[in-house]
Amino acid sequence: MAVALQTLTLFFQATTAGLLLSTSYGETLHSVGARVMYGATMLYVLAAVLAWKPGGSSPRPVLYSTGFLVLASAQVILGIAHQPAAHVPLGVLMFGLSVLDLGRSVTPMARSAGRPTGSWTGTRARS
C-alpha cells in the first residue's frame, strides 16, 4: 500500500508540474503535493522496516525505500533551488522507478492469489 501511495503522489506531482506552468494555483498544488509525496516516501520506509524486522521478510524493500527517500530529498532540494534542468528528469526517474517497484511488490501477491506456480517458459502441455 505504501509504494502505491508513493506512486500515486509522484503522478500527482507530474500533473501539478504542468499546472505550475499554466495556472496561478499550480504552484500551491505542487508545493502541497511535494510535502505529501515526501511523507508517503517516509511511510514507505517505515512500512518496509516494519515488514522486514518483525515480519522476517526480505530487507530488499528497505533498500528500495531508503533509496527513494534519498531521491526525494534531492528532489526537494532541487525544487527549492529552482533547478528544473535536474528537478524534472529526476522526477521522471522517480516515477518510473516507483512504477517498477509497485509492479515488483504486486507480482508476488498475484502469484499467491491463485495463479499457477509453474514456469512461464519452457513448459508444454503433455498429451
Protein backbone atom coordinates (compact mmCIF):
# COMPACT_ATOMS: atom_id res chain seq x y z
CA MET A 1 0.00 0.00 0.00
CA ALA A 2 2.83 2.41 0.83
CA VAL A 3 4.52 2.05 -2.55
CA ALA A 4 1.15 2.50 -4.28
CA LEU A 5 0.60 5.73 -2.35
CA GLN A 6 4.10 6.88 -3.25
CA THR A 7 3.49 6.16 -6.95
CA LEU A 8 0.16 7.98 -6.86
CA THR A 9 1.71 11.05 -5.23
CA LEU A 10 4.51 11.09 -7.81
CA PHE A 11 1.90 11.01 -10.58
CA PHE A 12 0.08 13.88 -8.85
CA GLN A 13 3.36 15.81 -8.80
CA ALA A 14 3.79 15.31 -12.53
CA THR A 15 0.26 16.61 -13.10
CA THR A 16 0.73 19.64 -10.89
CA ALA A 17 4.08 20.40 -12.56
CA GLY A 18 2.12 21.05 -15.73
CA LEU A 19 -0.35 23.20 -13.80
CA LEU A 20 2.58 25.07 -12.28
CA LEU A 21 3.43 26.38 -15.73
CA SER A 22 -0.09 27.22 -16.82
CA THR A 23 -2.20 28.32 -13.82
CA SER A 24 -1.94 30.59 -10.81
CA TYR A 25 -2.80 27.82 -8.31
CA GLY A 26 -0.35 25.27 -9.77
CA GLU A 27 2.48 26.36 -7.51
CA THR A 28 0.36 25.82 -4.40
CA LEU A 29 -0.76 22.37 -5.52
CA HIS A 30 2.77 21.35 -6.46
CA SER A 31 4.12 22.58 -3.12
CA VAL A 32 1.47 20.72 -1.11
CA GLY A 33 1.96 17.64 -3.29
CA ALA A 34 5.71 17.72 -2.60
CA ARG A 35 5.08 17.53 1.12
CA VAL A 36 2.61 14.68 0.70
CA MET A 37 5.00 12.82 -1.61
CA TYR A 38 7.83 13.18 0.90
CA GLY A 39 5.56 11.92 3.66
CA ALA A 40 4.48 8.96 1.51
CA THR A 41 8.13 8.12 0.90
CA MET A 42 8.86 8.21 4.64
CA LEU A 43 5.80 6.00 5.22
CA TYR A 44 7.21 3.53 2.67
CA VAL A 45 10.50 3.38 4.63
CA LEU A 46 8.60 2.78 7.87
CA ALA A 47 6.39 0.07 6.33
CA ALA A 48 9.40 -1.67 4.76
CA VAL A 49 11.30 -1.69 8.05
CA LEU A 50 8.28 -2.97 9.98
CA ALA A 51 7.69 -5.74 7.44
CA TRP A 52 11.36 -6.70 7.49
CA LYS A 53 12.30 -6.73 11.17
CA PRO A 54 9.32 -8.27 12.98
CA GLY A 55 7.82 -9.95 9.94
CA GLY A 56 11.02 -11.59 8.79
CA SER A 57 10.62 -10.58 5.15
CA SER A 58 13.42 -9.63 2.76
CA PRO A 59 15.45 -6.49 3.51
CA ARG A 60 15.33 -5.52 -0.18
CA PRO A 61 12.26 -3.22 0.19
CA VAL A 62 14.12 -1.37 2.95
CA LEU A 63 16.93 -0.64 0.49
CA TYR A 64 14.46 0.43 -2.22
CA SER A 65 12.51 2.68 0.14
CA THR A 66 15.67 4.25 1.54
CA GLY A 67 16.86 4.93 -2.00
CA PHE A 68 13.55 6.62 -2.76
CA LEU A 69 13.91 8.75 0.36
CA VAL A 70 17.37 9.88 -0.79
CA LEU A 71 16.00 10.68 -4.26
CA ALA A 72 13.01 12.52 -2.75
CA SER A 73 15.38 14.57 -0.58
CA ALA A 74 17.43 15.52 -3.63
CA GLN A 75 14.21 16.33 -5.48
CA VAL A 76 13.06 18.69 -2.73
CA ILE A 77 16.45 20.44 -2.64
CA LEU A 78 16.46 20.87 -6.42
CA GLY A 79 12.88 22.16 -6.38
CA ILE A 80 13.60 24.72 -3.68
CA ALA A 81 16.73 25.81 -5.58
CA HIS A 82 14.62 26.22 -8.76
CA GLN A 83 16.81 23.88 -10.82
CA PRO A 84 14.30 22.46 -13.34
CA ALA A 85 17.08 21.06 -15.56
CA ALA A 86 17.79 18.46 -12.86
CA HIS A 87 14.46 18.51 -10.97
CA VAL A 88 12.30 17.40 -13.91
CA PRO A 89 14.41 14.44 -15.11
CA LEU A 90 14.83 13.25 -11.53
CA GLY A 91 11.06 13.39 -11.09
CA VAL A 92 10.56 11.31 -14.23
CA LEU A 93 13.16 8.81 -13.00
CA MET A 94 11.49 8.60 -9.60
CA PHE A 95 8.07 7.96 -11.13
CA GLY A 96 9.45 5.24 -13.41
CA LEU A 97 11.30 3.54 -10.55
CA SER A 98 8.23 3.76 -8.34
CA VAL A 99 6.05 2.13 -11.02
CA LEU A 100 8.64 -0.66 -11.36
CA ASP A 101 8.74 -1.09 -7.59
CA LEU A 102 4.95 -1.18 -7.45
CA GLY A 103 4.95 -3.90 -10.10
CA ARG A 104 7.54 -5.85 -8.12
CA SER A 105 5.51 -5.62 -4.95
CA VAL A 106 2.21 -6.57 -6.62
CA THR A 107 3.57 -9.55 -8.59
CA PRO A 108 4.16 -11.84 -5.58
CA MET A 109 0.63 -11.15 -4.36
CA ALA A 110 -0.84 -12.07 -7.74
CA ARG A 111 1.09 -15.35 -7.71
CA SER A 112 -0.14 -16.28 -4.26
CA ALA A 113 -3.72 -15.38 -5.14
CA GLY A 114 -4.30 -18.48 -7.23
CA ARG A 115 -2.11 -18.26 -10.30
CA PRO A 116 -0.33 -21.44 -11.27
CA THR A 117 3.18 -21.54 -9.88
CA GLY A 118 4.78 -23.20 -12.91
CA SER A 119 7.29 -21.53 -15.14
CA TRP A 120 6.01 -19.31 -17.95
CA THR A 121 8.66 -20.52 -20.36
CA GLY A 122 9.73 -23.96 -21.37
CA THR A 123 6.56 -25.75 -20.33
CA ARG A 124 4.48 -27.77 -22.73
CA ALA A 125 1.17 -29.47 -22.28
CA ARG A 126 1.55 -33.22 -22.39
CA SER A 127 -0.87 -35.21 -24.41
